[in-house]
Protein backbone atom coordinates (compact mmCIF):
# COMPACT_ATOMS: atom_id res chain seq x y z
CA MET A 1 133.03 36.29 -113.62
CA ARG A 2 136.11 38.34 -114.18
CA GLY A 3 139.44 36.75 -115.03
CA ALA A 4 140.50 33.22 -114.43
CA LEU A 5 139.69 31.30 -111.31
CA ALA A 6 143.30 31.31 -110.10
CA GLU A 7 143.23 35.10 -110.06
CA GLN A 8 140.03 35.44 -107.97
CA ASP A 9 140.25 35.75 -104.24
CA ARG A 10 136.86 34.36 -103.06
CA VAL A 11 136.08 31.36 -105.17
CA THR A 12 134.76 28.29 -103.72
CA ILE A 13 134.56 25.08 -105.91
CA TYR A 14 132.88 22.00 -104.52
CA GLN A 15 134.34 18.86 -105.85
CA TYR A 16 133.48 16.04 -103.57
CA ARG A 17 134.27 12.51 -104.22
CA LEU A 18 132.37 9.60 -102.90
CA MET A 19 134.72 7.90 -100.34
CA GLN A 20 132.44 5.40 -98.63
CA LYS A 21 128.93 4.19 -99.05
CA VAL A 22 126.92 2.50 -96.24
CA LEU A 23 123.97 0.50 -97.66
CA VAL A 24 120.87 -0.09 -95.72
CA ARG A 25 119.88 -3.66 -96.67
CA GLY A 26 116.41 -5.08 -96.36
CA GLU A 27 117.29 -7.40 -93.51
CA LEU A 28 118.53 -4.45 -91.45
CA TYR A 29 115.23 -2.56 -92.15
CA ARG A 30 113.05 -5.58 -91.19
CA SER A 31 115.03 -6.26 -88.01
CA TYR A 32 114.88 -2.61 -87.07
CA LEU A 33 111.08 -2.65 -87.28
CA CYS A 34 110.89 -5.89 -85.44
CA ALA A 35 112.81 -4.30 -82.55
CA ILE A 36 110.15 -1.75 -81.96
CA GLY A 37 107.48 -4.29 -82.50
CA ILE A 38 108.91 -6.46 -79.66
CA LEU A 39 109.06 -3.50 -77.46
CA ALA A 40 105.32 -2.73 -78.13
CA VAL A 41 104.35 -6.39 -77.60
CA PHE A 42 106.34 -6.40 -74.34
CA LEU A 43 104.65 -3.27 -73.03
CA VAL A 44 101.20 -4.42 -73.90
CA LEU A 45 101.68 -7.90 -72.29
CA MET A 46 103.33 -6.61 -69.11
CA TYR A 47 101.46 -3.36 -68.43
CA ARG A 48 98.14 -3.72 -70.55
CA LEU A 49 96.61 -0.34 -71.12
CA ASP A 50 99.34 1.53 -69.37
CA GLY A 51 101.78 -0.16 -71.73
CA VAL A 52 99.93 1.19 -74.77
CA LYS A 53 99.88 4.68 -73.29
CA ALA A 54 103.52 4.39 -72.40
CA PHE A 55 104.49 3.26 -75.94
CA GLY A 56 102.63 6.26 -77.43
CA ILE A 57 104.20 8.61 -74.91
CA GLY A 58 107.66 7.02 -75.54
CA ILE A 59 107.56 7.69 -79.29
CA LEU A 60 106.02 11.23 -79.15
CA CYS A 61 108.15 12.42 -76.23
CA THR A 62 111.35 11.03 -77.70
CA GLN A 63 110.79 12.74 -80.96
CA PHE A 64 110.08 16.01 -79.15
CA ILE A 65 113.25 15.67 -77.05
CA HIS A 66 115.33 14.86 -80.10
CA PHE A 67 113.86 18.00 -81.90
CA LEU A 68 114.60 20.27 -78.94
CA ILE A 69 118.06 18.95 -78.42
CA ILE A 70 119.03 19.14 -82.16
CA ARG A 71 117.72 22.64 -82.46
CA LEU A 72 119.52 23.84 -79.29
CA THR A 73 122.82 22.13 -80.28
CA LEU A 74 122.67 23.52 -83.75
CA ILE A 75 122.47 27.00 -82.15
CA ARG A 76 125.41 26.31 -79.99
CA VAL A 77 127.80 24.50 -82.27
CA ASP A 78 126.95 25.76 -85.79
CA GLU A 79 125.38 28.68 -87.57
CA PRO A 80 121.83 27.29 -87.57
CA ASP A 81 120.48 26.53 -91.01
CA TYR A 82 117.15 24.93 -90.32
CA ARG A 83 116.38 24.38 -93.98
CA ARG A 84 118.86 21.64 -94.02
CA TRP A 85 116.86 19.65 -91.32
CA GLY A 86 113.26 18.42 -91.49
CA TRP A 87 110.86 15.76 -90.34
CA ARG A 88 111.26 12.61 -92.46
CA VAL A 89 110.36 8.97 -92.45
CA LEU A 90 112.98 7.49 -94.87
CA GLY A 91 113.26 3.79 -94.18
CA ILE A 92 115.16 3.51 -90.92
CA TRP A 93 115.65 7.28 -90.73
CA ILE A 94 112.73 8.43 -88.66
CA GLY A 95 112.36 11.92 -87.07
CA TYR A 96 114.11 15.13 -87.34
CA ILE A 97 117.05 14.37 -89.70
CA PRO A 98 119.23 16.20 -92.24
CA VAL A 99 117.43 16.48 -95.59
CA ALA A 100 120.52 17.97 -97.41
CA TYR A 101 124.19 17.53 -97.22
CA ILE A 102 125.67 17.72 -93.68
CA GLU A 103 129.24 18.03 -92.46
CA TYR A 104 130.31 14.70 -90.96
CA GLY A 105 132.01 16.53 -87.97
CA LEU A 106 128.85 18.35 -87.15
CA PHE A 107 126.80 15.16 -87.56
CA ARG A 108 129.07 13.28 -85.02
CA ARG A 109 128.96 16.15 -82.51
CA LEU A 110 125.29 16.61 -82.77
CA HIS A 111 124.48 12.95 -82.23
CA ARG A 112 126.93 12.54 -79.29
CA HIS A 113 125.02 15.55 -77.71
CA LEU A 114 121.75 13.96 -78.63
CA LEU A 115 122.60 10.57 -77.15
CA TRP A 116 123.78 11.95 -73.73
CA LEU A 117 121.44 14.87 -73.34
CA GLY A 118 118.45 12.66 -74.34
CA LEU A 119 119.33 10.12 -71.71
CA CYS A 120 119.79 12.94 -69.13
CA THR A 121 116.46 14.40 -70.01
CA ILE A 122 114.74 11.21 -69.78
CA GLY A 123 116.40 10.75 -66.32
CA ILE A 124 115.03 14.02 -65.16
CA LEU A 125 111.46 12.70 -65.94
CA TYR A 126 112.03 9.73 -63.68
CA PRO A 127 110.19 11.06 -60.58
CA TRP A 128 106.99 11.70 -62.63
CA ALA A 129 106.92 8.71 -64.90
CA ASN A 130 105.87 5.14 -64.18
CA GLU A 131 108.00 2.03 -64.89
CA ALA A 132 106.40 1.42 -68.42
CA THR A 133 106.91 4.98 -69.46
CA MET A 134 110.54 4.96 -68.46
CA ILE A 135 111.19 1.70 -70.27
CA SER A 136 109.43 3.06 -73.32
CA LEU A 137 111.31 6.45 -73.29
CA ILE A 138 114.74 4.89 -73.03
CA ILE A 139 114.19 2.14 -75.60
CA CYS A 140 112.47 4.49 -78.09
CA HIS A 141 115.34 6.95 -77.60
CA LEU A 142 117.97 4.35 -78.35
CA TRP A 143 115.82 2.89 -81.17
CA PHE A 144 115.48 6.24 -83.02
CA LEU A 145 119.26 6.80 -82.54
CA ALA A 146 120.43 3.35 -83.55
CA PRO A 147 120.85 3.91 -87.30
CA ARG A 148 122.70 7.30 -86.62
CA LEU A 149 124.99 5.58 -84.13
CA VAL A 150 125.67 2.81 -86.54
CA ILE A 151 126.71 5.36 -89.16
CA ASN A 152 129.00 7.13 -86.71
CA ARG A 153 130.60 3.80 -85.81
CA ARG A 154 131.12 2.73 -89.47
CA LEU A 155 132.62 6.14 -90.37
CA ARG A 156 134.69 6.61 -87.20
CA LYS A 157 138.02 6.53 -89.01
CA SER A 158 136.92 8.95 -91.69
CA ARG A 159 138.05 12.61 -91.77
CA ARG A 160 135.63 14.94 -90.06
CA ASP A 161 135.83 17.57 -92.81
CA GLY A 162 133.73 15.37 -95.25
CA VAL A 163 130.04 15.59 -95.82
CA LEU A 164 127.23 12.99 -95.53
CA ARG A 165 124.23 12.46 -97.79
CA ILE A 166 121.49 10.43 -96.20
CA THR A 167 118.79 8.74 -98.33
CA ALA A 168 116.40 5.82 -97.63
CA ASN A 169 118.67 3.12 -98.91
CA GLU A 170 122.20 4.45 -98.27
CA VAL A 171 124.40 6.94 -96.60
CA GLY A 172 127.24 8.40 -98.69
CA TYR A 173 130.37 9.92 -97.22
CA TYR A 174 132.00 12.42 -99.54
CA HIS A 175 135.41 14.07 -99.27
CA ARG A 176 137.37 16.55 -101.42
């Protein structure tokens, strides 16, 4: 480096400070797993073998739909950096999620797109899916998005130019 930092034109210094931490308590984790268990039991009791198939289709198709929407939205709203996203199972964070720091504004916009475009995509499948499959798709879609929507709700008053760090037990919101 030549000269002092104040004399250089293109210097970026990252000094983020933790502004808010959202903890994922054990009770939340257990209730989150109970919710999908209740859906599975409901589908098996109401639809028997079709319910088991619908539950599997719901989980797999929802993850595929989420993957496609996230990838397409990243191309549209941000310079795509696919190394910052990956398939993870971190407590309640299941699916294609950020594995590195992510801008909070991008996170909000991306999950707003994911919620509505996911529901529209599931709606398009309506003519070809039976009742059990539609129930499974909608509930699995909302189940996978629930932790992300809770984070968006808890941080709604935060400035959008901060960054999020998602771990298994907590989500940290950092700002300069």
